[in-house]
Amino acid sequence: MFIYVTVALSLLAFWLFGDKSRFRELFPSMLAGSLLRLKEQYVFTHLTKVWEYEQLVPLFQVVDLPVLLDLTFFPIVSYLYLQHLPQQRLGKFFYTLFAAALLLLYEYLMISFGHLRHHHQWNLLLSYLLLLLTLALVALQYNFYRRKT
């Protein structure tokens, strides 16, 4: 149920706060964010086994990964993150720290509600570092492919 609420709230956030005029510009980054997160989850769930998802609905999972989140929540997070990304380096740095902290709060809630468990010394600090890396890669992809005017 928590995942459905997350998906619904993320779609609502996109509808209310997303700048739809930039959709064509930011869509590749949405795909990159989704694909990157799907790969991360595969590596950390199946290869290293440091994450374990529980209580997933079979219709919306593939090999025990919450695909519904990868196709809705994380692309929308990427879109909203890039839409408000400051131009100055210091602003980007602090904005990315803040965005990763919000995503870490979401992970903490997933753990609290029993949908996610960490194993093999994985902890929230490592998750925070991974979220920082993920957001940095999404921003790097966006900056590399965006049209220079």
Protein backbone atom coordinates (compact mmCIF):
# COMPACT_ATOMS: atom_id res chain seq x y z
CA MET A 1 0.00 0.00 0.00
CA PHE A 2 2.87 2.36 0.81
CA ILE A 3 4.24 2.01 -2.71
CA TYR A 4 0.85 2.89 -4.23
CA VAL A 5 0.65 6.01 -2.07
CA THR A 6 4.19 6.93 -3.15
CA VAL A 7 3.30 6.51 -6.82
CA ALA A 8 0.09 8.52 -6.44
CA LEU A 9 1.84 11.33 -4.56
CA SER A 10 4.68 11.46 -7.07
CA LEU A 11 2.24 11.68 -9.99
CA LEU A 12 0.34 14.42 -8.15
CA ALA A 13 3.59 16.28 -7.46
CA PHE A 14 4.49 16.08 -11.13
CA TRP A 15 1.05 17.31 -12.14
CA LEU A 16 1.16 20.23 -9.67
CA PHE A 17 4.82 21.23 -9.68
CA GLY A 18 6.30 19.92 -12.91
CA ASP A 19 7.02 22.48 -15.59
CA LYS A 20 5.41 20.65 -18.52
CA SER A 21 6.90 23.10 -21.01
CA ARG A 22 10.30 21.52 -20.28
CA PHE A 23 9.09 17.94 -20.77
CA ARG A 24 10.87 17.44 -24.09
CA GLU A 25 14.09 18.80 -22.59
CA LEU A 26 13.95 16.72 -19.39
CA PHE A 27 12.41 13.49 -20.69
CA PRO A 28 15.78 11.84 -21.53
CA SER A 29 16.91 12.53 -17.98
CA MET A 30 13.74 10.94 -16.66
CA LEU A 31 14.62 7.81 -18.61
CA ALA A 32 18.21 7.96 -17.40
CA GLY A 33 17.09 8.31 -13.78
CA SER A 34 14.71 5.39 -14.15
CA LEU A 35 17.25 3.14 -15.83
CA LEU A 36 19.99 4.08 -13.38
CA ARG A 37 17.78 3.32 -10.41
CA LEU A 38 16.64 0.03 -11.91
CA LYS A 39 20.27 -1.01 -12.42
CA GLU A 40 21.17 0.06 -8.87
CA GLN A 41 18.34 -1.97 -7.45
CA TYR A 42 19.32 -5.01 -9.48
CA VAL A 43 22.93 -4.79 -8.33
CA PHE A 44 22.10 -4.20 -4.68
CA THR A 45 19.19 -6.66 -4.52
CA HIS A 46 20.47 -9.59 -6.59
CA LEU A 47 24.22 -9.35 -6.97
CA THR A 48 25.35 -8.02 -3.60
CA LYS A 49 22.13 -8.80 -1.70
CA VAL A 50 22.38 -5.77 0.60
CA TRP A 51 18.77 -4.72 -0.05
CA GLU A 52 15.68 -6.86 0.29
CA TYR A 53 12.22 -5.69 -0.70
CA GLU A 54 9.22 -7.17 1.07
CA GLN A 55 5.46 -7.00 0.65
CA LEU A 56 5.63 -6.23 -3.06
CA VAL A 57 2.59 -6.88 -5.24
CA PRO A 58 3.55 -9.51 -7.88
CA LEU A 59 1.94 -7.53 -10.70
CA PHE A 60 4.31 -4.60 -10.20
CA GLN A 61 7.57 -6.37 -9.56
CA VAL A 62 10.10 -8.07 -11.73
CA VAL A 63 12.69 -10.29 -10.05
CA ASP A 64 11.76 -8.78 -6.67
CA LEU A 65 12.34 -5.19 -7.80
CA PRO A 66 9.63 -2.55 -7.40
CA VAL A 67 9.34 -1.76 -11.10
CA LEU A 68 6.32 0.46 -10.51
CA LEU A 69 8.55 2.82 -8.51
CA ASP A 70 11.26 2.69 -11.15
CA LEU A 71 8.79 3.70 -13.86
CA THR A 72 7.00 6.46 -11.93
CA PHE A 73 8.60 7.74 -8.73
CA PHE A 74 12.26 7.88 -9.77
CA PRO A 75 11.71 9.47 -13.20
CA ILE A 76 9.53 12.13 -11.57
CA VAL A 77 12.15 12.70 -8.88
CA SER A 78 14.76 13.14 -11.63
CA TYR A 79 12.50 15.58 -13.50
CA LEU A 80 11.68 17.72 -10.46
CA TYR A 81 15.31 17.63 -9.29
CA LEU A 82 16.62 18.90 -12.63
CA GLN A 83 13.82 21.39 -13.09
CA HIS A 84 14.92 23.28 -9.97
CA LEU A 85 18.66 22.64 -10.18
CA PRO A 86 20.52 25.93 -9.60
CA GLN A 87 23.09 27.19 -12.09
CA GLN A 88 25.86 28.01 -9.59
CA ARG A 89 28.14 25.19 -8.41
CA LEU A 90 27.69 25.86 -4.71
CA GLY A 91 23.93 26.03 -5.19
CA LYS A 92 24.00 22.71 -7.07
CA PHE A 93 26.03 21.15 -4.29
CA PHE A 94 23.69 22.16 -1.47
CA TYR A 95 20.57 21.47 -3.52
CA THR A 96 21.84 17.96 -4.26
CA LEU A 97 22.60 17.38 -0.57
CA PHE A 98 19.05 18.45 0.27
CA ALA A 99 17.42 16.35 -2.48
CA ALA A 100 19.39 13.27 -1.41
CA ALA A 101 18.30 13.86 2.19
CA LEU A 102 14.65 13.89 1.08
CA LEU A 103 15.15 10.64 -0.82
CA LEU A 104 16.89 9.17 2.21
CA LEU A 105 13.84 10.06 4.30
CA TYR A 106 11.75 8.11 1.80
CA GLU A 107 14.08 5.11 2.17
CA TYR A 108 13.84 5.39 5.94
CA LEU A 109 10.04 5.30 5.66
CA MET A 110 10.28 2.24 3.40
CA ILE A 111 12.34 0.53 6.11
CA SER A 112 9.99 1.69 8.87
CA PHE A 113 6.92 0.35 7.09
CA GLY A 114 8.62 -2.99 6.45
CA HIS A 115 9.00 -2.74 2.69
CA LEU A 116 12.80 -2.64 2.61
CA ARG A 117 15.52 -4.26 4.69
CA HIS A 118 19.27 -3.69 4.67
CA HIS A 119 21.77 -6.56 5.02
CA HIS A 120 25.56 -7.08 5.16
CA GLN A 121 26.52 -3.85 6.91
CA TRP A 122 24.52 -1.65 4.52
CA ASN A 123 23.16 1.40 6.30
CA LEU A 124 21.51 4.75 5.69
CA LEU A 125 24.85 6.54 5.34
CA LEU A 126 25.81 4.29 2.43
CA SER A 127 22.36 4.84 0.96
CA TYR A 128 22.83 8.60 1.25
CA LEU A 129 26.16 8.40 -0.58
CA LEU A 130 24.54 6.28 -3.30
CA LEU A 131 21.70 8.80 -3.64
CA LEU A 132 24.22 11.63 -3.99
CA LEU A 133 26.00 9.68 -6.71
CA THR A 134 22.72 8.91 -8.47
CA LEU A 135 21.58 12.54 -8.48
CA ALA A 136 25.01 13.67 -9.63
CA LEU A 137 24.91 11.20 -12.53
CA VAL A 138 21.43 12.37 -13.55
CA ALA A 139 22.64 15.99 -13.49
CA LEU A 140 25.77 15.03 -15.43
CA GLN A 141 23.68 13.25 -18.07
CA TYR A 142 21.38 16.26 -18.33
CA ASN A 143 24.26 18.73 -18.69
CA PHE A 144 25.97 16.56 -21.28
CA TYR A 145 22.94 16.18 -23.56
CA ARG A 146 21.04 19.43 -23.13
CA ARG A 147 21.04 21.89 -25.99
CA LYS A 148 23.32 24.84 -25.52
CA THR A 149 21.63 28.07 -26.52
